[in-house]
Amino acid sequence: MNAAGRMRIGEVAEQIGLSLRTIRYYEEVGLVVPSARSEGGFRLYAAEDVDRLRMIMQMKPLGFSLEETRELLELLDTGPDADPVRLAAFREQAAERVATLRRQLRTAEEFAARLG
């Protein structure tokens, strides 16, 4: 971590468990932008950038598309002025997808138990 509290891409990748390639891809598609660049041109990420990457990671297993992810991030970027109806729709979608994953996990656990 540098003096300004920013991390290089490798440090971020190690800390949150994403590959460098994945972080770069998220940058290419506009989901995350490093807060700064070092004099040598290295990407530097602030805590807010790392939080944004974590949110993207959390949405992925729930099956949110890149466009849905972008939409939610843009919505959250508006802060307290975020559209409460759209936020509620995302909350509902997330809850439904979590419920689906729980059902799938129960089925998988039952199957594994049958195998003894």
N, C-alpha and C. Protein backbone atom coordinates (compact mmCIF):
# COMPACT_ATOMS: atom_id res chain seq x y z
N MET A 1 0.86 -1.17 0.00
CA MET A 1 0.00 0.00 0.00
C MET A 1 0.90 1.23 0.00
N ASN A 2 0.53 2.23 -0.79
CA ASN A 2 1.37 3.42 -0.84
C ASN A 2 0.94 4.42 0.24
N ALA A 3 1.64 5.53 0.31
CA ALA A 3 1.42 6.50 1.38
C ALA A 3 0.01 7.08 1.37
N ALA A 4 -0.61 7.16 0.23
CA ALA A 4 -1.96 7.74 0.15
C ALA A 4 -3.03 6.72 0.52
N GLY A 5 -2.62 5.52 0.96
CA GLY A 5 -3.59 4.50 1.33
C GLY A 5 -4.19 3.78 0.14
N ARG A 6 -3.57 3.91 -1.00
CA ARG A 6 -4.04 3.23 -2.19
C ARG A 6 -3.22 1.98 -2.43
N MET A 7 -3.85 1.00 -3.05
CA MET A 7 -3.19 -0.27 -3.32
C MET A 7 -3.01 -0.47 -4.81
N ARG A 8 -1.96 -1.17 -5.16
CA ARG A 8 -1.76 -1.58 -6.55
C ARG A 8 -2.70 -2.73 -6.85
N ILE A 9 -2.89 -2.98 -8.12
CA ILE A 9 -3.83 -4.00 -8.56
C ILE A 9 -3.50 -5.38 -7.98
N GLY A 10 -2.22 -5.72 -7.88
CA GLY A 10 -1.84 -7.01 -7.32
C GLY A 10 -2.22 -7.16 -5.87
N GLU A 11 -2.09 -6.07 -5.11
CA GLU A 11 -2.48 -6.09 -3.70
C GLU A 11 -3.99 -6.26 -3.57
N VAL A 12 -4.73 -5.58 -4.42
CA VAL A 12 -6.19 -5.70 -4.40
C VAL A 12 -6.59 -7.13 -4.74
N ALA A 13 -6.00 -7.66 -5.80
CA ALA A 13 -6.33 -9.02 -6.23
C ALA A 13 -6.09 -10.02 -5.10
N GLU A 14 -4.97 -9.89 -4.44
CA GLU A 14 -4.63 -10.80 -3.34
C GLU A 14 -5.60 -10.62 -2.17
N GLN A 15 -5.91 -9.39 -1.85
CA GLN A 15 -6.76 -9.12 -0.70
C GLN A 15 -8.19 -9.65 -0.87
N ILE A 16 -8.74 -9.50 -2.07
CA ILE A 16 -10.15 -9.87 -2.24
C ILE A 16 -10.36 -11.15 -3.02
N GLY A 17 -9.30 -11.72 -3.58
CA GLY A 17 -9.43 -13.01 -4.24
C GLY A 17 -9.91 -12.96 -5.68
N LEU A 18 -9.64 -11.87 -6.36
CA LEU A 18 -9.93 -11.79 -7.79
C LEU A 18 -8.62 -11.85 -8.56
N SER A 19 -8.68 -12.32 -9.78
CA SER A 19 -7.47 -12.33 -10.60
C SER A 19 -7.22 -10.93 -11.16
N LEU A 20 -5.97 -10.69 -11.52
CA LEU A 20 -5.63 -9.41 -12.16
C LEU A 20 -6.43 -9.23 -13.43
N ARG A 21 -6.57 -10.31 -14.17
CA ARG A 21 -7.30 -10.27 -15.44
C ARG A 21 -8.76 -9.85 -15.22
N THR A 22 -9.38 -10.40 -14.17
CA THR A 22 -10.77 -10.06 -13.88
C THR A 22 -10.91 -8.59 -13.49
N ILE A 23 -10.01 -8.10 -12.67
CA ILE A 23 -10.06 -6.69 -12.27
C ILE A 23 -9.88 -5.80 -13.50
N ARG A 24 -8.94 -6.15 -14.35
CA ARG A 24 -8.73 -5.36 -15.58
C ARG A 24 -9.97 -5.40 -16.48
N TYR A 25 -10.60 -6.57 -16.54
CA TYR A 25 -11.82 -6.70 -17.35
C TYR A 25 -12.92 -5.79 -16.81
N TYR A 26 -13.10 -5.80 -15.49
CA TYR A 26 -14.11 -4.92 -14.90
C TYR A 26 -13.81 -3.46 -15.19
N GLU A 27 -12.54 -3.13 -15.27
CA GLU A 27 -12.17 -1.76 -15.64
C GLU A 27 -12.51 -1.51 -17.11
N GLU A 28 -12.18 -2.46 -17.99
CA GLU A 28 -12.45 -2.31 -19.43
C GLU A 28 -13.93 -2.08 -19.71
N VAL A 29 -14.80 -2.79 -18.98
CA VAL A 29 -16.24 -2.67 -19.23
C VAL A 29 -16.88 -1.54 -18.41
N GLY A 30 -16.06 -0.81 -17.67
CA GLY A 30 -16.54 0.38 -16.98
C GLY A 30 -17.20 0.16 -15.64
N LEU A 31 -17.00 -1.00 -15.03
CA LEU A 31 -17.63 -1.24 -13.72
C LEU A 31 -16.83 -0.64 -12.58
N VAL A 32 -15.52 -0.55 -12.76
CA VAL A 32 -14.66 0.03 -11.72
C VAL A 32 -13.54 0.81 -12.42
N VAL A 33 -13.18 1.91 -11.81
CA VAL A 33 -12.10 2.73 -12.34
C VAL A 33 -11.14 3.00 -11.19
N PRO A 34 -9.85 2.69 -11.38
CA PRO A 34 -8.90 2.98 -10.30
C PRO A 34 -8.93 4.47 -9.96
N SER A 35 -8.78 4.77 -8.69
CA SER A 35 -8.83 6.16 -8.25
C SER A 35 -7.68 6.99 -8.78
N ALA A 36 -6.55 6.34 -9.04
CA ALA A 36 -5.37 7.07 -9.48
C ALA A 36 -4.42 6.12 -10.20
N ARG A 37 -3.37 6.71 -10.70
CA ARG A 37 -2.26 5.96 -11.29
C ARG A 37 -0.97 6.47 -10.68
N SER A 38 -0.04 5.57 -10.49
CA SER A 38 1.25 5.97 -9.95
C SER A 38 2.03 6.71 -11.03
N GLU A 39 3.15 7.28 -10.65
CA GLU A 39 4.01 7.96 -11.63
C GLU A 39 4.44 6.99 -12.72
N GLY A 40 4.56 5.73 -12.35
CA GLY A 40 4.94 4.71 -13.32
C GLY A 40 3.78 4.16 -14.12
N GLY A 41 2.58 4.66 -13.88
CA GLY A 41 1.40 4.24 -14.64
C GLY A 41 0.64 3.07 -14.04
N PHE A 42 1.03 2.63 -12.84
CA PHE A 42 0.33 1.51 -12.20
C PHE A 42 -1.02 1.96 -11.66
N ARG A 43 -2.00 1.08 -11.79
CA ARG A 43 -3.33 1.36 -11.24
C ARG A 43 -3.24 1.42 -9.72
N LEU A 44 -3.92 2.40 -9.14
CA LEU A 44 -3.98 2.54 -7.69
C LEU A 44 -5.44 2.58 -7.26
N TYR A 45 -5.77 1.73 -6.31
CA TYR A 45 -7.16 1.57 -5.87
C TYR A 45 -7.31 2.05 -4.44
N ALA A 46 -8.32 2.88 -4.21
CA ALA A 46 -8.67 3.34 -2.87
C ALA A 46 -9.64 2.34 -2.24
N ALA A 47 -9.90 2.51 -0.96
CA ALA A 47 -10.82 1.60 -0.25
C ALA A 47 -12.18 1.54 -0.93
N GLU A 48 -12.66 2.67 -1.45
CA GLU A 48 -13.96 2.69 -2.12
C GLU A 48 -13.95 1.84 -3.38
N ASP A 49 -12.82 1.84 -4.09
CA ASP A 49 -12.70 1.02 -5.29
C ASP A 49 -12.74 -0.46 -4.94
N VAL A 50 -12.07 -0.81 -3.84
CA VAL A 50 -12.04 -2.21 -3.39
C VAL A 50 -13.44 -2.63 -2.96
N ASP A 51 -14.16 -1.76 -2.26
CA ASP A 51 -15.54 -2.07 -1.88
C ASP A 51 -16.41 -2.30 -3.11
N ARG A 52 -16.20 -1.51 -4.13
CA ARG A 52 -16.97 -1.65 -5.37
C ARG A 52 -16.67 -3.02 -6.01
N LEU A 53 -15.40 -3.41 -6.02
CA LEU A 53 -15.05 -4.73 -6.56
C LEU A 53 -15.68 -5.85 -5.73
N ARG A 54 -15.71 -5.68 -4.42
CA ARG A 54 -16.36 -6.70 -3.58
C ARG A 54 -17.85 -6.81 -3.91
N MET A 55 -18.50 -5.68 -4.14
CA MET A 55 -19.93 -5.73 -4.48
C MET A 55 -20.13 -6.47 -5.80
N ILE A 56 -19.28 -6.21 -6.77
CA ILE A 56 -19.37 -6.91 -8.05
C ILE A 56 -19.21 -8.41 -7.82
N MET A 57 -18.24 -8.78 -6.98
CA MET A 57 -18.01 -10.19 -6.65
C MET A 57 -19.25 -10.82 -6.01
N GLN A 58 -19.93 -10.07 -5.17
CA GLN A 58 -21.11 -10.60 -4.48
C GLN A 58 -22.29 -10.76 -5.43
N MET A 59 -22.37 -9.93 -6.44
CA MET A 59 -23.47 -10.02 -7.39
C MET A 59 -23.30 -11.18 -8.36
N LYS A 60 -22.06 -11.50 -8.67
CA LYS A 60 -21.78 -12.53 -9.68
C LYS A 60 -22.41 -13.89 -9.37
N PRO A 61 -22.22 -14.45 -8.16
CA PRO A 61 -22.82 -15.76 -7.92
C PRO A 61 -24.35 -15.73 -7.89
N LEU A 62 -24.91 -14.54 -7.79
CA LEU A 62 -26.37 -14.43 -7.82
C LEU A 62 -26.89 -14.32 -9.25
N GLY A 63 -25.98 -14.35 -10.22
CA GLY A 63 -26.39 -14.38 -11.61
C GLY A 63 -26.76 -13.03 -12.20
N PHE A 64 -26.37 -11.95 -11.56
CA PHE A 64 -26.65 -10.64 -12.14
C PHE A 64 -25.75 -10.45 -13.37
N SER A 65 -26.32 -9.92 -14.43
CA SER A 65 -25.57 -9.66 -15.66
C SER A 65 -24.67 -8.44 -15.47
N LEU A 66 -23.76 -8.26 -16.40
CA LEU A 66 -22.91 -7.07 -16.35
C LEU A 66 -23.76 -5.80 -16.42
N GLU A 67 -24.78 -5.82 -17.25
CA GLU A 67 -25.63 -4.63 -17.38
C GLU A 67 -26.40 -4.37 -16.08
N GLU A 68 -26.90 -5.42 -15.45
CA GLU A 68 -27.59 -5.26 -14.17
C GLU A 68 -26.63 -4.75 -13.10
N THR A 69 -25.42 -5.28 -13.12
CA THR A 69 -24.40 -4.84 -12.17
C THR A 69 -24.10 -3.37 -12.38
N ARG A 70 -23.91 -2.98 -13.63
CA ARG A 70 -23.65 -1.58 -13.95
C ARG A 70 -24.80 -0.69 -13.48
N GLU A 71 -26.02 -1.14 -13.74
CA GLU A 71 -27.19 -0.36 -13.35
C GLU A 71 -27.24 -0.16 -11.83
N LEU A 72 -27.00 -1.22 -11.08
CA LEU A 72 -27.03 -1.09 -9.62
C LEU A 72 -25.91 -0.20 -9.12
N LEU A 73 -24.72 -0.35 -9.66
CA LEU A 73 -23.60 0.49 -9.23
C LEU A 73 -23.88 1.96 -9.52
N GLU A 74 -24.43 2.24 -10.69
CA GLU A 74 -24.78 3.63 -11.03
C GLU A 74 -25.84 4.15 -10.08
N LEU A 75 -26.78 3.31 -9.74
CA LEU A 75 -27.84 3.69 -8.81
C LEU A 75 -27.25 4.01 -7.44
N LEU A 76 -26.36 3.15 -6.97
CA LEU A 76 -25.74 3.37 -5.67
C LEU A 76 -24.82 4.60 -5.67
N ASP A 77 -24.24 4.90 -6.82
CA ASP A 77 -23.37 6.07 -6.93
C ASP A 77 -24.13 7.37 -6.71
N THR A 78 -25.44 7.34 -6.89
CA THR A 78 -26.23 8.57 -6.69
C THR A 78 -26.43 8.87 -5.21
N GLY A 79 -26.04 7.93 -4.35
CA GLY A 79 -26.12 8.16 -2.90
C GLY A 79 -27.54 8.23 -2.39
N PRO A 80 -27.80 9.18 -1.49
CA PRO A 80 -29.12 9.25 -0.87
C PRO A 80 -30.26 9.58 -1.84
N ASP A 81 -29.90 10.06 -3.03
CA ASP A 81 -30.93 10.38 -4.02
C ASP A 81 -31.30 9.18 -4.88
N ALA A 82 -30.77 8.00 -4.55
CA ALA A 82 -31.04 6.80 -5.34
C ALA A 82 -32.53 6.50 -5.35
N ASP A 83 -33.00 6.05 -6.47
CA ASP A 83 -34.42 5.72 -6.66
C ASP A 83 -34.79 4.54 -5.76
N PRO A 84 -35.63 4.78 -4.74
CA PRO A 84 -35.96 3.71 -3.80
C PRO A 84 -36.72 2.54 -4.44
N VAL A 85 -37.47 2.80 -5.48
CA VAL A 85 -38.21 1.74 -6.15
C VAL A 85 -37.24 0.80 -6.87
N ARG A 86 -36.27 1.38 -7.56
CA ARG A 86 -35.28 0.55 -8.26
C ARG A 86 -34.42 -0.22 -7.26
N LEU A 87 -34.05 0.43 -6.16
CA LEU A 87 -33.27 -0.27 -5.12
C LEU A 87 -34.07 -1.44 -4.54
N ALA A 88 -35.34 -1.21 -4.30
CA ALA A 88 -36.20 -2.27 -3.76
C ALA A 88 -36.29 -3.44 -4.75
N ALA A 89 -36.35 -3.14 -6.04
CA ALA A 89 -36.41 -4.19 -7.05
C ALA A 89 -35.13 -5.03 -7.03
N PHE A 90 -33.98 -4.38 -6.88
CA PHE A 90 -32.72 -5.12 -6.78
C PHE A 90 -32.68 -5.97 -5.52
N ARG A 91 -33.16 -5.41 -4.40
CA ARG A 91 -33.20 -6.17 -3.14
C ARG A 91 -34.05 -7.42 -3.31
N GLU A 92 -35.21 -7.26 -3.95
CA GLU A 92 -36.12 -8.38 -4.16
C GLU A 92 -35.48 -9.44 -5.06
N GLN A 93 -34.84 -9.00 -6.13
CA GLN A 93 -34.16 -9.94 -7.03
C GLN A 93 -33.07 -10.71 -6.29
N ALA A 94 -32.30 -9.99 -5.50
CA ALA A 94 -31.22 -10.64 -4.75
C ALA A 94 -31.79 -11.67 -3.78
N ALA A 95 -32.86 -11.31 -3.08
CA ALA A 95 -33.48 -12.24 -2.13
C ALA A 95 -34.00 -13.49 -2.83
N GLU A 96 -34.63 -13.31 -3.99
CA GLU A 96 -35.14 -14.45 -4.76
C GLU A 96 -34.00 -15.36 -5.21
N ARG A 97 -32.91 -14.75 -5.66
CA ARG A 97 -31.78 -15.54 -6.14
C ARG A 97 -31.09 -16.27 -5.00
N VAL A 98 -31.02 -15.65 -3.83
CA VAL A 98 -30.45 -16.32 -2.66
C VAL A 98 -31.31 -17.52 -2.29
N ALA A 99 -32.62 -17.34 -2.31
CA ALA A 99 -33.54 -18.45 -1.99
C ALA A 99 -33.34 -19.61 -2.97
N THR A 100 -33.17 -19.29 -4.24
CA THR A 100 -32.93 -20.32 -5.26
C THR A 100 -31.63 -21.06 -4.98
N LEU A 101 -30.59 -20.32 -4.65
CA LEU A 101 -29.30 -20.96 -4.34
C LEU A 101 -29.41 -21.85 -3.11
N ARG A 102 -30.18 -21.41 -2.11
CA ARG A 102 -30.35 -22.24 -0.90
C ARG A 102 -31.06 -23.55 -1.24
N ARG A 103 -32.08 -23.48 -2.11
CA ARG A 103 -32.77 -24.71 -2.53
C ARG A 103 -31.81 -25.62 -3.27
N GLN A 104 -31.00 -25.05 -4.16
CA GLN A 104 -30.04 -25.85 -4.91
C GLN A 104 -29.00 -26.48 -3.97
N LEU A 105 -28.58 -25.75 -2.97
CA LEU A 105 -27.61 -26.28 -2.02
C LEU A 105 -28.21 -27.43 -1.22
N ARG A 106 -29.47 -27.28 -0.77
CA ARG A 106 -30.13 -28.38 -0.04
C ARG A 106 -30.20 -29.63 -0.91
N THR A 107 -30.57 -29.46 -2.17
CA THR A 107 -30.65 -30.60 -3.09
C THR A 107 -29.28 -31.25 -3.25
N ALA A 108 -28.24 -30.43 -3.41
CA ALA A 108 -26.88 -30.96 -3.57
C ALA A 108 -26.43 -31.68 -2.30
N GLU A 109 -26.74 -31.13 -1.14
CA GLU A 109 -26.36 -31.77 0.13
C GLU A 109 -27.08 -33.10 0.31
N GLU A 110 -28.36 -33.14 -0.07
CA GLU A 110 -29.12 -34.39 0.03
C GLU A 110 -28.51 -35.45 -0.89
N PHE A 111 -28.14 -35.04 -2.08
CA PHE A 111 -27.51 -35.96 -3.02
C PHE A 111 -26.19 -36.48 -2.45
N ALA A 112 -25.35 -35.57 -1.96
CA ALA A 112 -24.06 -35.98 -1.41
C ALA A 112 -24.24 -36.93 -0.23
N ALA A 113 -25.26 -36.69 0.61
CA ALA A 113 -25.52 -37.55 1.76
C ALA A 113 -25.93 -38.95 1.31
N ARG A 114 -26.66 -39.04 0.20
CA ARG A 114 -27.08 -40.35 -0.33
C ARG A 114 -25.88 -41.17 -0.78
N LEU A 115 -24.85 -40.49 -1.16
CA LEU A 115 -23.65 -41.20 -1.64
C LEU A 115 -22.82 -41.73 -0.46
N GLY A 116 -23.18 -41.25 0.75
CA GLY A 116 -22.61 -41.76 1.97
C GLY A 116 -21.24 -41.36 2.28
